[in-house]
Amino acid sequence: MKTFPNYKQADNKNCRPTCIKIISKHYGKTISTQTLRDYCETNREGSNLLY
């Protein structure tokens, strides 16, 4: 079984982008955290689960 990469969250507001980054890297895609934060619409309050 292939191991999952490990990335730490920059802060407690980055859970969703960091999880997506780990899964993406596992499948061979490299996406920057900032790109994922933009895509997830993460702001100072975090990400909305509904998006």
N, C-alpha and C. Protein backbone atom coordinates (compact mmCIF):
# COMPACT_ATOMS: atom_id res chain seq x y z
N MET A 1 0.84 -1.18 0.00
CA MET A 1 0.00 0.00 0.00
C MET A 1 0.89 1.24 0.00
N LYS A 2 0.56 2.17 -0.84
CA LYS A 2 1.30 3.43 -0.93
C LYS A 2 1.04 4.28 0.31
N THR A 3 2.10 4.89 0.84
CA THR A 3 1.93 5.73 2.02
C THR A 3 1.45 7.12 1.61
N PHE A 4 0.75 7.76 2.51
CA PHE A 4 0.26 9.11 2.26
C PHE A 4 1.33 10.12 2.65
N PRO A 5 1.46 11.21 1.87
CA PRO A 5 2.38 12.28 2.26
C PRO A 5 1.86 12.98 3.51
N ASN A 6 2.75 13.68 4.18
CA ASN A 6 2.38 14.36 5.41
C ASN A 6 2.65 15.86 5.26
N TYR A 7 1.63 16.66 5.42
CA TYR A 7 1.76 18.12 5.42
C TYR A 7 1.11 18.63 6.70
N LYS A 8 1.75 19.58 7.34
CA LYS A 8 1.17 20.20 8.53
C LYS A 8 0.38 21.43 8.12
N GLN A 9 -0.71 21.67 8.84
CA GLN A 9 -1.50 22.87 8.62
C GLN A 9 -0.70 24.09 9.08
N ALA A 10 -0.76 25.17 8.32
CA ALA A 10 -0.08 26.41 8.71
C ALA A 10 -0.74 26.99 9.96
N ASP A 11 -2.05 26.82 10.07
CA ASP A 11 -2.79 27.25 11.26
C ASP A 11 -4.08 26.44 11.33
N ASN A 12 -4.89 26.66 12.33
CA ASN A 12 -6.10 25.85 12.49
C ASN A 12 -7.21 26.19 11.50
N LYS A 13 -6.97 27.10 10.59
CA LYS A 13 -7.96 27.46 9.56
C LYS A 13 -7.71 26.74 8.24
N ASN A 14 -6.65 25.95 8.16
CA ASN A 14 -6.23 25.33 6.89
C ASN A 14 -6.54 23.85 6.79
N CYS A 15 -7.46 23.33 7.55
CA CYS A 15 -7.72 21.89 7.56
C CYS A 15 -8.16 21.38 6.18
N ARG A 16 -9.16 22.01 5.61
CA ARG A 16 -9.69 21.55 4.32
C ARG A 16 -8.65 21.62 3.20
N PRO A 17 -7.96 22.77 2.99
CA PRO A 17 -6.95 22.81 1.94
C PRO A 17 -5.80 21.81 2.18
N THR A 18 -5.41 21.62 3.44
CA THR A 18 -4.32 20.69 3.73
C THR A 18 -4.74 19.25 3.46
N CYS A 19 -5.95 18.88 3.81
CA CYS A 19 -6.45 17.53 3.52
C CYS A 19 -6.49 17.28 2.02
N ILE A 20 -6.98 18.25 1.26
CA ILE A 20 -7.03 18.10 -0.19
C ILE A 20 -5.62 18.01 -0.76
N LYS A 21 -4.68 18.77 -0.22
CA LYS A 21 -3.29 18.72 -0.67
C LYS A 21 -2.69 17.33 -0.46
N ILE A 22 -2.95 16.73 0.70
CA ILE A 22 -2.45 15.39 1.00
C ILE A 22 -3.03 14.37 0.02
N ILE A 23 -4.32 14.41 -0.21
CA ILE A 23 -4.97 13.47 -1.12
C ILE A 23 -4.47 13.68 -2.55
N SER A 24 -4.35 14.95 -2.97
CA SER A 24 -3.86 15.26 -4.32
C SER A 24 -2.45 14.73 -4.53
N LYS A 25 -1.57 14.95 -3.56
CA LYS A 25 -0.19 14.48 -3.66
C LYS A 25 -0.14 12.96 -3.71
N HIS A 26 -0.99 12.30 -2.96
CA HIS A 26 -1.07 10.84 -2.97
C HIS A 26 -1.35 10.33 -4.38
N TYR A 27 -2.17 11.06 -5.12
CA TYR A 27 -2.52 10.67 -6.48
C TYR A 27 -1.64 11.32 -7.54
N GLY A 28 -0.51 11.91 -7.12
CA GLY A 28 0.47 12.41 -8.07
C GLY A 28 0.29 13.84 -8.53
N LYS A 29 -0.60 14.58 -7.93
CA LYS A 29 -0.84 15.98 -8.30
C LYS A 29 -0.24 16.90 -7.25
N THR A 30 0.47 17.92 -7.68
CA THR A 30 1.04 18.90 -6.76
C THR A 30 0.28 20.21 -6.92
N ILE A 31 -0.37 20.64 -5.86
CA ILE A 31 -1.15 21.87 -5.87
C ILE A 31 -0.71 22.68 -4.65
N SER A 32 -0.45 23.96 -4.86
CA SER A 32 0.02 24.79 -3.74
C SER A 32 -1.11 25.00 -2.72
N THR A 33 -0.71 25.20 -1.49
CA THR A 33 -1.68 25.45 -0.43
C THR A 33 -2.48 26.71 -0.72
N GLN A 34 -1.83 27.73 -1.25
CA GLN A 34 -2.53 28.98 -1.54
C GLN A 34 -3.59 28.77 -2.62
N THR A 35 -3.28 27.99 -3.64
CA THR A 35 -4.26 27.68 -4.68
C THR A 35 -5.46 26.97 -4.08
N LEU A 36 -5.20 26.02 -3.19
CA LEU A 36 -6.29 25.30 -2.55
C LEU A 36 -7.08 26.19 -1.61
N ARG A 37 -6.41 27.10 -0.91
CA ARG A 37 -7.11 28.06 -0.04
C ARG A 37 -8.05 28.93 -0.88
N ASP A 38 -7.57 29.36 -2.04
CA ASP A 38 -8.41 30.16 -2.94
C ASP A 38 -9.60 29.34 -3.44
N TYR A 39 -9.34 28.11 -3.88
CA TYR A 39 -10.39 27.24 -4.39
C TYR A 39 -11.44 26.94 -3.32
N CYS A 40 -10.98 26.70 -2.09
CA CYS A 40 -11.88 26.39 -0.97
C CYS A 40 -12.50 27.63 -0.34
N GLU A 41 -12.10 28.79 -0.85
CA GLU A 41 -12.56 30.07 -0.30
C GLU A 41 -12.27 30.17 1.20
N THR A 42 -11.07 29.75 1.59
CA THR A 42 -10.64 29.82 2.98
C THR A 42 -10.25 31.25 3.31
N ASN A 43 -10.79 31.75 4.41
CA ASN A 43 -10.45 33.11 4.85
C ASN A 43 -9.99 33.05 6.31
N ARG A 44 -9.96 34.18 6.99
CA ARG A 44 -9.50 34.21 8.38
C ARG A 44 -10.34 33.36 9.31
N GLU A 45 -11.56 33.07 8.90
CA GLU A 45 -12.46 32.26 9.72
C GLU A 45 -12.41 30.78 9.36
N GLY A 46 -11.73 30.43 8.28
CA GLY A 46 -11.64 29.04 7.84
C GLY A 46 -12.42 28.83 6.55
N SER A 47 -12.80 27.59 6.29
CA SER A 47 -13.56 27.22 5.10
C SER A 47 -14.98 26.82 5.49
N ASN A 48 -15.92 27.11 4.63
CA ASN A 48 -17.30 26.71 4.85
C ASN A 48 -17.46 25.27 4.35
N LEU A 49 -17.98 24.41 5.18
CA LEU A 49 -18.14 23.00 4.85
C LEU A 49 -19.08 22.79 3.66
N LEU A 50 -19.97 23.73 3.40
CA LEU A 50 -20.96 23.56 2.34
C LEU A 50 -20.41 23.82 0.94
N TYR A 51 -19.22 24.39 0.81
CA TYR A 51 -18.67 24.69 -0.51
C TYR A 51 -17.83 23.56 -1.02
